[in-house]
mmCIF file of all heavy atoms, coordinates in Angstrom:
data_MODEL
# 
_entry.id   MODEL 
# 
loop_
_atom_site.group_PDB 
_atom_site.id 
_atom_site.type_symbol 
_atom_site.label_atom_id 
_atom_site.label_alt_id 
_atom_site.label_comp_id 
_atom_site.label_asym_id 
_atom_site.label_entity_id 
_atom_site.label_seq_id 
_atom_site.pdbx_PDB_ins_code 
_atom_site.Cartn_x 
_atom_site.Cartn_y 
_atom_site.Cartn_z 
_atom_site.occupancy 
_atom_site.B_iso_or_equiv 
_atom_site.pdbx_formal_charge 
_atom_site.auth_seq_id 
_atom_site.auth_comp_id 
_atom_site.auth_asym_id 
_atom_site.auth_atom_id 
_atom_site.pdbx_PDB_model_num 
ATOM 1   N N   . ILE A 1 1  ? 0.836  -1.210 0.000  1.00 0.00 ? 1  ILE A N   1 
ATOM 2   C CA  . ILE A 1 1  ? 0.000  0.000  0.000  1.00 0.00 ? 1  ILE A CA  1 
ATOM 3   C C   . ILE A 1 1  ? 0.867  1.256  0.000  1.00 0.00 ? 1  ILE A C   1 
ATOM 4   O O   . ILE A 1 1  ? 0.659  2.186  -0.786 1.00 0.00 ? 1  ILE A O   1 
ATOM 5   C CB  . ILE A 1 1  ? -0.937 0.007  1.226  1.00 0.00 ? 1  ILE A CB  1 
ATOM 6   C CG1 . ILE A 1 1  ? -2.009 -1.089 1.099  1.00 0.00 ? 1  ILE A CG1 1 
ATOM 7   C CG2 . ILE A 1 1  ? -1.614 1.377  1.378  1.00 0.00 ? 1  ILE A CG2 1 
ATOM 8   C CD1 . ILE A 1 1  ? -2.878 -1.235 2.329  1.00 0.00 ? 1  ILE A CD1 1 
ATOM 9   N N   . SER A 1 2  ? 1.853  1.287  0.892  1.00 0.00 ? 2  SER A N   1 
ATOM 10  C CA  . SER A 1 2  ? 2.649  2.504  1.060  1.00 0.00 ? 2  SER A CA  1 
ATOM 11  C C   . SER A 1 2  ? 3.532  2.805  -0.145 1.00 0.00 ? 2  SER A C   1 
ATOM 12  O O   . SER A 1 2  ? 3.882  3.964  -0.396 1.00 0.00 ? 2  SER A O   1 
ATOM 13  C CB  . SER A 1 2  ? 3.511  2.404  2.319  1.00 0.00 ? 2  SER A CB  1 
ATOM 14  O OG  . SER A 1 2  ? 4.430  1.334  2.207  1.00 0.00 ? 2  SER A OG  1 
ATOM 15  N N   . ASN A 1 3  ? 3.910  1.783  -0.890 1.00 0.00 ? 3  ASN A N   1 
ATOM 16  C CA  . ASN A 1 3  ? 4.841  1.994  -1.996 1.00 0.00 ? 3  ASN A CA  1 
ATOM 17  C C   . ASN A 1 3  ? 4.209  1.964  -3.378 1.00 0.00 ? 3  ASN A C   1 
ATOM 18  O O   . ASN A 1 3  ? 4.860  2.331  -4.356 1.00 0.00 ? 3  ASN A O   1 
ATOM 19  C CB  . ASN A 1 3  ? 5.964  0.950  -1.912 1.00 0.00 ? 3  ASN A CB  1 
ATOM 20  C CG  . ASN A 1 3  ? 6.877  1.180  -0.738 1.00 0.00 ? 3  ASN A CG  1 
ATOM 21  O OD1 . ASN A 1 3  ? 7.757  2.034  -0.774 1.00 0.00 ? 3  ASN A OD1 1 
ATOM 22  N ND2 . ASN A 1 3  ? 6.658  0.449  0.350  1.00 0.00 ? 3  ASN A ND2 1 
ATOM 23  N N   . LEU A 1 4  ? 2.947  1.545  -3.462 1.00 0.00 ? 4  LEU A N   1 
ATOM 24  C CA  . LEU A 1 4  ? 2.262  1.515  -4.753 1.00 0.00 ? 4  LEU A CA  1 
ATOM 25  C C   . LEU A 1 4  ? 1.182  2.587  -4.859 1.00 0.00 ? 4  LEU A C   1 
ATOM 26  O O   . LEU A 1 4  ? 0.706  2.878  -5.964 1.00 0.00 ? 4  LEU A O   1 
ATOM 27  C CB  . LEU A 1 4  ? 1.645  0.126  -4.981 1.00 0.00 ? 4  LEU A CB  1 
ATOM 28  C CG  . LEU A 1 4  ? 2.636  -1.044 -5.069 1.00 0.00 ? 4  LEU A CG  1 
ATOM 29  C CD1 . LEU A 1 4  ? 1.897  -2.363 -5.248 1.00 0.00 ? 4  LEU A CD1 1 
ATOM 30  C CD2 . LEU A 1 4  ? 3.631  -0.829 -6.203 1.00 0.00 ? 4  LEU A CD2 1 
ATOM 31  N N   . TRP A 1 5  ? 0.793  3.157  -3.714 1.00 0.00 ? 5  TRP A N   1 
ATOM 32  C CA  . TRP A 1 5  ? -0.276 4.161  -3.725 1.00 0.00 ? 5  TRP A CA  1 
ATOM 33  C C   . TRP A 1 5  ? 0.330  5.522  -3.372 1.00 0.00 ? 5  TRP A C   1 
ATOM 34  O O   . TRP A 1 5  ? 0.654  5.784  -2.220 1.00 0.00 ? 5  TRP A O   1 
ATOM 35  C CB  . TRP A 1 5  ? -1.358 3.772  -2.731 1.00 0.00 ? 5  TRP A CB  1 
ATOM 36  C CG  . TRP A 1 5  ? -2.630 4.567  -2.881 1.00 0.00 ? 5  TRP A CG  1 
ATOM 37  C CD1 . TRP A 1 5  ? -2.855 5.649  -3.681 1.00 0.00 ? 5  TRP A CD1 1 
ATOM 38  C CD2 . TRP A 1 5  ? -3.860 4.334  -2.187 1.00 0.00 ? 5  TRP A CD2 1 
ATOM 39  N NE1 . TRP A 1 5  ? -4.132 6.097  -3.557 1.00 0.00 ? 5  TRP A NE1 1 
ATOM 40  C CE2 . TRP A 1 5  ? -4.792 5.301  -2.635 1.00 0.00 ? 5  TRP A CE2 1 
ATOM 41  C CE3 . TRP A 1 5  ? -4.275 3.397  -1.247 1.00 0.00 ? 5  TRP A CE3 1 
ATOM 42  C CZ2 . TRP A 1 5  ? -6.094 5.380  -2.159 1.00 0.00 ? 5  TRP A CZ2 1 
ATOM 43  C CZ3 . TRP A 1 5  ? -5.577 3.454  -0.772 1.00 0.00 ? 5  TRP A CZ3 1 
ATOM 44  C CH2 . TRP A 1 5  ? -6.472 4.433  -1.231 1.00 0.00 ? 5  TRP A CH2 1 
ATOM 45  N N   . ALA A 1 6  ? 0.474  6.362  -4.376 1.00 0.00 ? 6  ALA A N   1 
ATOM 46  C CA  . ALA A 1 6  ? 1.152  7.650  -4.187 1.00 0.00 ? 6  ALA A CA  1 
ATOM 47  C C   . ALA A 1 6  ? 0.411  8.563  -3.219 1.00 0.00 ? 6  ALA A C   1 
ATOM 48  O O   . ALA A 1 6  ? 1.026  9.408  -2.563 1.00 0.00 ? 6  ALA A O   1 
ATOM 49  C CB  . ALA A 1 6  ? 1.325  8.350  -5.537 1.00 0.00 ? 6  ALA A CB  1 
ATOM 50  N N   . ARG A 1 7  ? -0.899 8.424  -3.126 1.00 0.00 ? 7  ARG A N   1 
ATOM 51  C CA  . ARG A 1 7  ? -1.691 9.322  -2.273 1.00 0.00 ? 7  ARG A CA  1 
ATOM 52  C C   . ARG A 1 7  ? -1.913 8.749  -0.864 1.00 0.00 ? 7  ARG A C   1 
ATOM 53  O O   . ARG A 1 7  ? -2.714 9.278  -0.102 1.00 0.00 ? 7  ARG A O   1 
ATOM 54  C CB  . ARG A 1 7  ? -3.041 9.605  -2.930 1.00 0.00 ? 7  ARG A CB  1 
ATOM 55  C CG  . ARG A 1 7  ? -2.953 10.410 -4.234 1.00 0.00 ? 7  ARG A CG  1 
ATOM 56  C CD  . ARG A 1 7  ? -4.338 10.785 -4.720 1.00 0.00 ? 7  ARG A CD  1 
ATOM 57  N NE  . ARG A 1 7  ? -5.057 11.584 -3.728 1.00 0.00 ? 7  ARG A NE  1 
ATOM 58  C CZ  . ARG A 1 7  ? -6.370 11.791 -3.763 1.00 0.00 ? 7  ARG A CZ  1 
ATOM 59  N NH1 . ARG A 1 7  ? -7.104 11.242 -4.704 1.00 0.00 ? 7  ARG A NH1 1 
ATOM 60  N NH2 . ARG A 1 7  ? -6.945 12.535 -2.834 1.00 0.00 ? 7  ARG A NH2 1 
ATOM 61  N N   . TRP A 1 8  ? -1.224 7.682  -0.524 1.00 0.00 ? 8  TRP A N   1 
ATOM 62  C CA  . TRP A 1 8  ? -1.410 7.084  0.799  1.00 0.00 ? 8  TRP A CA  1 
ATOM 63  C C   . TRP A 1 8  ? -0.980 8.058  1.889  1.00 0.00 ? 8  TRP A C   1 
ATOM 64  O O   . TRP A 1 8  ? 0.026  8.757  1.764  1.00 0.00 ? 8  TRP A O   1 
ATOM 65  C CB  . TRP A 1 8  ? -0.618 5.786  0.919  1.00 0.00 ? 8  TRP A CB  1 
ATOM 66  C CG  . TRP A 1 8  ? -0.806 5.092  2.237  1.00 0.00 ? 8  TRP A CG  1 
ATOM 67  C CD1 . TRP A 1 8  ? 0.113  4.937  3.220  1.00 0.00 ? 8  TRP A CD1 1 
ATOM 68  C CD2 . TRP A 1 8  ? -2.001 4.465  2.709  1.00 0.00 ? 8  TRP A CD2 1 
ATOM 69  N NE1 . TRP A 1 8  ? -0.421 4.256  4.274  1.00 0.00 ? 8  TRP A NE1 1 
ATOM 70  C CE2 . TRP A 1 8  ? -1.731 3.952  3.996  1.00 0.00 ? 8  TRP A CE2 1 
ATOM 71  C CE3 . TRP A 1 8  ? -3.276 4.306  2.180  1.00 0.00 ? 8  TRP A CE3 1 
ATOM 72  C CZ2 . TRP A 1 8  ? -2.684 3.277  4.749  1.00 0.00 ? 8  TRP A CZ2 1 
ATOM 73  C CZ3 . TRP A 1 8  ? -4.225 3.625  2.928  1.00 0.00 ? 8  TRP A CZ3 1 
ATOM 74  C CH2 . TRP A 1 8  ? -3.928 3.126  4.195  1.00 0.00 ? 8  TRP A CH2 1 
ATOM 75  N N   . ASN A 1 9  ? -1.738 8.088  2.993  1.00 0.00 ? 9  ASN A N   1 
ATOM 76  C CA  . ASN A 1 9  ? -1.474 9.023  4.087  1.00 0.00 ? 9  ASN A CA  1 
ATOM 77  C C   . ASN A 1 9  ? -0.481 8.399  5.071  1.00 0.00 ? 9  ASN A C   1 
ATOM 78  O O   . ASN A 1 9  ? -0.868 7.799  6.076  1.00 0.00 ? 9  ASN A O   1 
ATOM 79  C CB  . ASN A 1 9  ? -2.792 9.374  4.795  1.00 0.00 ? 9  ASN A CB  1 
ATOM 80  C CG  . ASN A 1 9  ? -2.667 10.621 5.651  1.00 0.00 ? 9  ASN A CG  1 
ATOM 81  O OD1 . ASN A 1 9  ? -1.618 10.893 6.210  1.00 0.00 ? 9  ASN A OD1 1 
ATOM 82  N ND2 . ASN A 1 9  ? -3.745 11.384 5.749  1.00 0.00 ? 9  ASN A ND2 1 
ATOM 83  N N   . PHE A 1 10 ? 0.814  8.544  4.782  1.00 0.00 ? 10 PHE A N   1 
ATOM 84  C CA  . PHE A 1 10 ? 1.863  7.946  5.611  1.00 0.00 ? 10 PHE A CA  1 
ATOM 85  C C   . PHE A 1 10 ? 1.814  8.477  7.042  1.00 0.00 ? 10 PHE A C   1 
ATOM 86  O O   . PHE A 1 10 ? 1.950  7.716  8.006  1.00 0.00 ? 10 PHE A O   1 
ATOM 87  C CB  . PHE A 1 10 ? 3.253  8.265  5.025  1.00 0.00 ? 10 PHE A CB  1 
ATOM 88  C CG  . PHE A 1 10 ? 3.521  7.652  3.693  1.00 0.00 ? 10 PHE A CG  1 
ATOM 89  C CD1 . PHE A 1 10 ? 3.203  8.335  2.524  1.00 0.00 ? 10 PHE A CD1 1 
ATOM 90  C CD2 . PHE A 1 10 ? 4.097  6.406  3.590  1.00 0.00 ? 10 PHE A CD2 1 
ATOM 91  C CE1 . PHE A 1 10 ? 3.467  7.777  1.281  1.00 0.00 ? 10 PHE A CE1 1 
ATOM 92  C CE2 . PHE A 1 10 ? 4.365  5.839  2.360  1.00 0.00 ? 10 PHE A CE2 1 
ATOM 93  C CZ  . PHE A 1 10 ? 4.043  6.521  1.199  1.00 0.00 ? 10 PHE A CZ  1 
ATOM 94  N N   . GLN A 1 11 ? 1.652  9.775  7.178  1.00 0.00 ? 11 GLN A N   1 
ATOM 95  C CA  . GLN A 1 11 ? 1.702  10.417 8.492  1.00 0.00 ? 11 GLN A CA  1 
ATOM 96  C C   . GLN A 1 11 ? 0.598  9.908  9.404  1.00 0.00 ? 11 GLN A C   1 
ATOM 97  O O   . GLN A 1 11 ? 0.836  9.570  10.564 1.00 0.00 ? 11 GLN A O   1 
ATOM 98  C CB  . GLN A 1 11 ? 1.605  11.933 8.336  1.00 0.00 ? 11 GLN A CB  1 
ATOM 99  C CG  . GLN A 1 11 ? 1.839  12.694 9.634  1.00 0.00 ? 11 GLN A CG  1 
ATOM 100 C CD  . GLN A 1 11 ? 1.860  14.200 9.419  1.00 0.00 ? 11 GLN A CD  1 
ATOM 101 O OE1 . GLN A 1 11 ? 1.507  14.690 8.363  1.00 0.00 ? 11 GLN A OE1 1 
ATOM 102 N NE2 . GLN A 1 11 ? 2.276  14.936 10.433 1.00 0.00 ? 11 GLN A NE2 1 
ATOM 103 N N   . PHE A 1 12 ? -0.631 9.819  8.868  1.00 0.00 ? 12 PHE A N   1 
ATOM 104 C CA  . PHE A 1 12 ? -1.724 9.332  9.699  1.00 0.00 ? 12 PHE A CA  1 
ATOM 105 C C   . PHE A 1 12 ? -1.535 7.858  10.044 1.00 0.00 ? 12 PHE A C   1 
ATOM 106 O O   . PHE A 1 12 ? -1.835 7.438  11.171 1.00 0.00 ? 12 PHE A O   1 
ATOM 107 C CB  . PHE A 1 12 ? -3.069 9.515  8.985  1.00 0.00 ? 12 PHE A CB  1 
ATOM 108 C CG  . PHE A 1 12 ? -4.230 8.935  9.753  1.00 0.00 ? 12 PHE A CG  1 
ATOM 109 C CD1 . PHE A 1 12 ? -4.777 9.622  10.824 1.00 0.00 ? 12 PHE A CD1 1 
ATOM 110 C CD2 . PHE A 1 12 ? -4.751 7.685  9.431  1.00 0.00 ? 12 PHE A CD2 1 
ATOM 111 C CE1 . PHE A 1 12 ? -5.825 9.080  11.554 1.00 0.00 ? 12 PHE A CE1 1 
ATOM 112 C CE2 . PHE A 1 12 ? -5.796 7.138  10.149 1.00 0.00 ? 12 PHE A CE2 1 
ATOM 113 C CZ  . PHE A 1 12 ? -6.333 7.845  11.211 1.00 0.00 ? 12 PHE A CZ  1 
ATOM 114 N N   . ALA A 1 13 ? -1.043 7.069  9.100  1.00 0.00 ? 13 ALA A N   1 
ATOM 115 C CA  . ALA A 1 13 ? -0.835 5.640  9.355  1.00 0.00 ? 13 ALA A CA  1 
ATOM 116 C C   . ALA A 1 13 ? 0.144  5.439  10.513 1.00 0.00 ? 13 ALA A C   1 
ATOM 117 O O   . ALA A 1 13 ? -0.069 4.573  11.381 1.00 0.00 ? 13 ALA A O   1 
ATOM 118 C CB  . ALA A 1 13 ? -0.316 4.958  8.096  1.00 0.00 ? 13 ALA A CB  1 
ATOM 119 N N   . LEU A 1 14 ? 1.202  6.253  10.537 1.00 0.00 ? 14 LEU A N   1 
ATOM 120 C CA  . LEU A 1 14 ? 2.187  6.133  11.610 1.00 0.00 ? 14 LEU A CA  1 
ATOM 121 C C   . LEU A 1 14 ? 1.595  6.549  12.955 1.00 0.00 ? 14 LEU A C   1 
ATOM 122 O O   . LEU A 1 14 ? 1.814  5.885  13.978 1.00 0.00 ? 14 LEU A O   1 
ATOM 123 C CB  . LEU A 1 14 ? 3.406  6.993  11.286 1.00 0.00 ? 14 LEU A CB  1 
ATOM 124 C CG  . LEU A 1 14 ? 4.620  6.837  12.204 1.00 0.00 ? 14 LEU A CG  1 
ATOM 125 C CD1 . LEU A 1 14 ? 5.114  5.408  12.195 1.00 0.00 ? 14 LEU A CD1 1 
ATOM 126 C CD2 . LEU A 1 14 ? 5.736  7.786  11.767 1.00 0.00 ? 14 LEU A CD2 1 
ATOM 127 N N   . LYS A 1 15 ? 0.810  7.643  12.970 1.00 0.00 ? 15 LYS A N   1 
ATOM 128 C CA  . LYS A 1 15 ? 0.169  8.086  14.209 1.00 0.00 ? 15 LYS A CA  1 
ATOM 129 C C   . LYS A 1 15 ? -0.854 7.053  14.693 1.00 0.00 ? 15 LYS A C   1 
ATOM 130 O O   . LYS A 1 15 ? -0.957 6.785  15.901 1.00 0.00 ? 15 LYS A O   1 
ATOM 131 C CB  . LYS A 1 15 ? -0.521 9.434  13.987 1.00 0.00 ? 15 LYS A CB  1 
ATOM 132 C CG  . LYS A 1 15 ? 0.444  10.603 13.828 1.00 0.00 ? 15 LYS A CG  1 
ATOM 133 C CD  . LYS A 1 15 ? -0.300 11.911 13.623 1.00 0.00 ? 15 LYS A CD  1 
ATOM 134 C CE  . LYS A 1 15 ? 0.657  13.087 13.490 1.00 0.00 ? 15 LYS A CE  1 
ATOM 135 N NZ  . LYS A 1 15 ? -0.064 14.370 13.267 1.00 0.00 ? 15 LYS A NZ  1 
ATOM 136 N N   . ALA A 1 16 ? -1.612 6.485  13.767 1.00 0.00 ? 16 ALA A N   1 
ATOM 137 C CA  . ALA A 1 16 ? -2.595 5.464  14.130 1.00 0.00 ? 16 ALA A CA  1 
ATOM 138 C C   . ALA A 1 16 ? -1.900 4.256  14.743 1.00 0.00 ? 16 ALA A C   1 
ATOM 139 O O   . ALA A 1 16 ? -2.377 3.677  15.728 1.00 0.00 ? 16 ALA A O   1 
ATOM 140 C CB  . ALA A 1 16 ? -3.405 5.049  12.901 1.00 0.00 ? 16 ALA A CB  1 
ATOM 141 N N   . GLY A 1 17 ? -0.751 3.877  14.163 1.00 0.00 ? 17 GLY A N   1 
ATOM 142 C CA  . GLY A 1 17 ? 0.010  2.757  14.706 1.00 0.00 ? 17 GLY A CA  1 
ATOM 143 C C   . GLY A 1 17 ? 0.459  3.011  16.133 1.00 0.00 ? 17 GLY A C   1 
ATOM 144 O O   . GLY A 1 17 ? 0.392  2.122  16.985 1.00 0.00 ? 17 GLY A O   1 
ATOM 145 N N   . ALA A 1 18 ? 0.888  4.244  16.426 1.00 0.00 ? 18 ALA A N   1 
ATOM 146 C CA  . ALA A 1 18 ? 1.346  4.593  17.774 1.00 0.00 ? 18 ALA A CA  1 
ATOM 147 C C   . ALA A 1 18 ? 0.206  4.489  18.785 1.00 0.00 ? 18 ALA A C   1 
ATOM 148 O O   . ALA A 1 18 ? 0.388  3.976  19.906 1.00 0.00 ? 18 ALA A O   1 
ATOM 149 C CB  . ALA A 1 18 ? 1.920  5.999  17.779 1.00 0.00 ? 18 ALA A CB  1 
ATOM 150 N N   . ILE A 1 19 ? -0.988 4.952  18.412 1.00 0.00 ? 19 ILE A N   1 
ATOM 151 C CA  . ILE A 1 19 ? -2.145 4.878  19.315 1.00 0.00 ? 19 ILE A CA  1 
ATOM 152 C C   . ILE A 1 19 ? -2.580 3.435  19.507 1.00 0.00 ? 19 ILE A C   1 
ATOM 153 O O   . ILE A 1 19 ? -2.910 3.005  20.626 1.00 0.00 ? 19 ILE A O   1 
ATOM 154 C CB  . ILE A 1 19 ? -3.307 5.728  18.764 1.00 0.00 ? 19 ILE A CB  1 
ATOM 155 C CG1 . ILE A 1 19 ? -2.926 7.207  18.753 1.00 0.00 ? 19 ILE A CG1 1 
ATOM 156 C CG2 . ILE A 1 19 ? -4.573 5.519  19.603 1.00 0.00 ? 19 ILE A CG2 1 
ATOM 157 C CD1 . ILE A 1 19 ? -3.947 8.105  18.086 1.00 0.00 ? 19 ILE A CD1 1 
ATOM 158 N N   . LEU A 1 20 ? -2.571 2.651  18.442 1.00 0.00 ? 20 LEU A N   1 
ATOM 159 C CA  . LEU A 1 20 ? -2.960 1.243  18.532 1.00 0.00 ? 20 LEU A CA  1 
ATOM 160 C C   . LEU A 1 20 ? -2.014 0.463  19.445 1.00 0.00 ? 20 LEU A C   1 
ATOM 161 O O   . LEU A 1 20 ? -2.430 -0.447 20.166 1.00 0.00 ? 20 LEU A O   1 
ATOM 162 C CB  . LEU A 1 20 ? -2.989 0.623  17.136 1.00 0.00 ? 20 LEU A CB  1 
ATOM 163 C CG  . LEU A 1 20 ? -4.189 1.013  16.276 1.00 0.00 ? 20 LEU A CG  1 
ATOM 164 C CD1 . LEU A 1 20 ? -3.916 0.730  14.804 1.00 0.00 ? 20 LEU A CD1 1 
ATOM 165 C CD2 . LEU A 1 20 ? -5.442 0.267  16.743 1.00 0.00 ? 20 LEU A CD2 1 
ATOM 166 N N   . ILE A 1 21 ? -0.738 0.835  19.423 1.00 0.00 ? 21 ILE A N   1 
ATOM 167 C CA  . ILE A 1 21 ? 0.229  0.188  20.313 1.00 0.00 ? 21 ILE A CA  1 
ATOM 168 C C   . ILE A 1 21 ? -0.131 0.452  21.770 1.00 0.00 ? 21 ILE A C   1 
ATOM 169 O O   . ILE A 1 21 ? -0.064 -0.449 22.623 1.00 0.00 ? 21 ILE A O   1 
ATOM 170 C CB  . ILE A 1 21 ? 1.649  0.692  20.008 1.00 0.00 ? 21 ILE A CB  1 
ATOM 171 C CG1 . ILE A 1 21 ? 2.111  0.168  18.641 1.00 0.00 ? 21 ILE A CG1 1 
ATOM 172 C CG2 . ILE A 1 21 ? 2.630  0.252  21.090 1.00 0.00 ? 21 ILE A CG2 1 
ATOM 173 C CD1 . ILE A 1 21 ? 3.329  0.866  18.108 1.00 0.00 ? 21 ILE A CD1 1 
ATOM 174 N N   . LEU A 1 22 ? -0.517 1.697  22.088 1.00 0.00 ? 22 LEU A N   1 
ATOM 175 C CA  . LEU A 1 22 ? -0.945 2.016  23.454 1.00 0.00 ? 22 LEU A CA  1 
ATOM 176 C C   . LEU A 1 22 ? -2.162 1.180  23.853 1.00 0.00 ? 22 LEU A C   1 
ATOM 177 O O   . LEU A 1 22 ? -2.256 0.697  24.984 1.00 0.00 ? 22 LEU A O   1 
ATOM 178 C CB  . LEU A 1 22 ? -1.276 3.508  23.575 1.00 0.00 ? 22 LEU A CB  1 
ATOM 179 C CG  . LEU A 1 22 ? -0.117 4.498  23.523 1.00 0.00 ? 22 LEU A CG  1 
ATOM 180 C CD1 . LEU A 1 22 ? -0.644 5.920  23.657 1.00 0.00 ? 22 LEU A CD1 1 
ATOM 181 C CD2 . LEU A 1 22 ? 0.888  4.203  24.637 1.00 0.00 ? 22 LEU A CD2 1 
ATOM 182 N N   . ILE A 1 23 ? -3.095 1.012  22.910 1.00 0.00 ? 23 ILE A N   1 
ATOM 183 C CA  . ILE A 1 23 ? -4.303 0.220  23.194 1.00 0.00 ? 23 ILE A CA  1 
ATOM 184 C C   . ILE A 1 23 ? -3.927 -1.225 23.501 1.00 0.00 ? 23 ILE A C   1 
ATOM 185 O O   . ILE A 1 23 ? -4.406 -1.818 24.478 1.00 0.00 ? 23 ILE A O   1 
ATOM 186 C CB  . ILE A 1 23 ? -5.281 0.274  22.003 1.00 0.00 ? 23 ILE A CB  1 
ATOM 187 C CG1 . ILE A 1 23 ? -5.818 1.695  21.813 1.00 0.00 ? 23 ILE A CG1 1 
ATOM 188 C CG2 . ILE A 1 23 ? -6.448 -0.697 22.214 1.00 0.00 ? 23 ILE A CG2 1 
ATOM 189 C CD1 . ILE A 1 23 ? -6.653 1.877  20.560 1.00 0.00 ? 23 ILE A CD1 1 
ATOM 190 N N   . VAL A 1 24 ? -3.059 -1.803 22.679 1.00 0.00 ? 24 VAL A N   1 
ATOM 191 C CA  . VAL A 1 24 ? -2.648 -3.192 22.881 1.00 0.00 ? 24 VAL A CA  1 
ATOM 192 C C   . VAL A 1 24 ? -1.947 -3.362 24.219 1.00 0.00 ? 24 VAL A C   1 
ATOM 193 O O   . VAL A 1 24 ? -2.183 -4.334 24.954 1.00 0.00 ? 24 VAL A O   1 
ATOM 194 C CB  . VAL A 1 24 ? -1.728 -3.651 21.733 1.00 0.00 ? 24 VAL A CB  1 
ATOM 195 C CG1 . VAL A 1 24 ? -1.160 -5.040 22.019 1.00 0.00 ? 24 VAL A CG1 1 
ATOM 196 C CG2 . VAL A 1 24 ? -2.506 -3.670 20.413 1.00 0.00 ? 24 VAL A CG2 1 
ATOM 197 N N   . MET A 1 25 ? -1.070 -2.421 24.572 1.00 0.00 ? 25 MET A N   1 
ATOM 198 C CA  . MET A 1 25 ? -0.364 -2.513 25.842 1.00 0.00 ? 25 MET A CA  1 
ATOM 199 C C   . MET A 1 25 ? -1.324 -2.396 27.017 1.00 0.00 ? 25 MET A C   1 
ATOM 200 O O   . MET A 1 25 ? -1.170 -3.082 28.034 1.00 0.00 ? 25 MET A O   1 
ATOM 201 C CB  . MET A 1 25 ? 0.702  -1.418 25.929 1.00 0.00 ? 25 MET A CB  1 
ATOM 202 C CG  . MET A 1 25 ? 1.923  -1.689 25.079 1.00 0.00 ? 25 MET A CG  1 
ATOM 203 S SD  . MET A 1 25 ? 2.757  -3.236 25.485 1.00 0.00 ? 25 MET A SD  1 
ATOM 204 C CE  . MET A 1 25 ? 3.411  -2.860 27.102 1.00 0.00 ? 25 MET A CE  1 
ATOM 205 N N   . ALA A 1 26 ? -2.328 -1.517 26.908 1.00 0.00 ? 26 ALA A N   1 
ATOM 206 C CA  . ALA A 1 26 ? -3.315 -1.365 27.984 1.00 0.00 ? 26 ALA A CA  1 
ATOM 207 C C   . ALA A 1 26 ? -4.105 -2.658 28.164 1.00 0.00 ? 26 ALA A C   1 
ATOM 208 O O   . ALA A 1 26 ? -4.381 -3.073 29.302 1.00 0.00 ? 26 ALA A O   1 
ATOM 209 C CB  . ALA A 1 26 ? -4.256 -0.208 27.673 1.00 0.00 ? 26 ALA A CB  1 
# 
């Protein structure tokens, strides 16, 4: 997705990953 889709929202994907990690740890 990240390398074939030029309009992919990299920044949001990274932020979403950080929040999801907090959820998993909780």
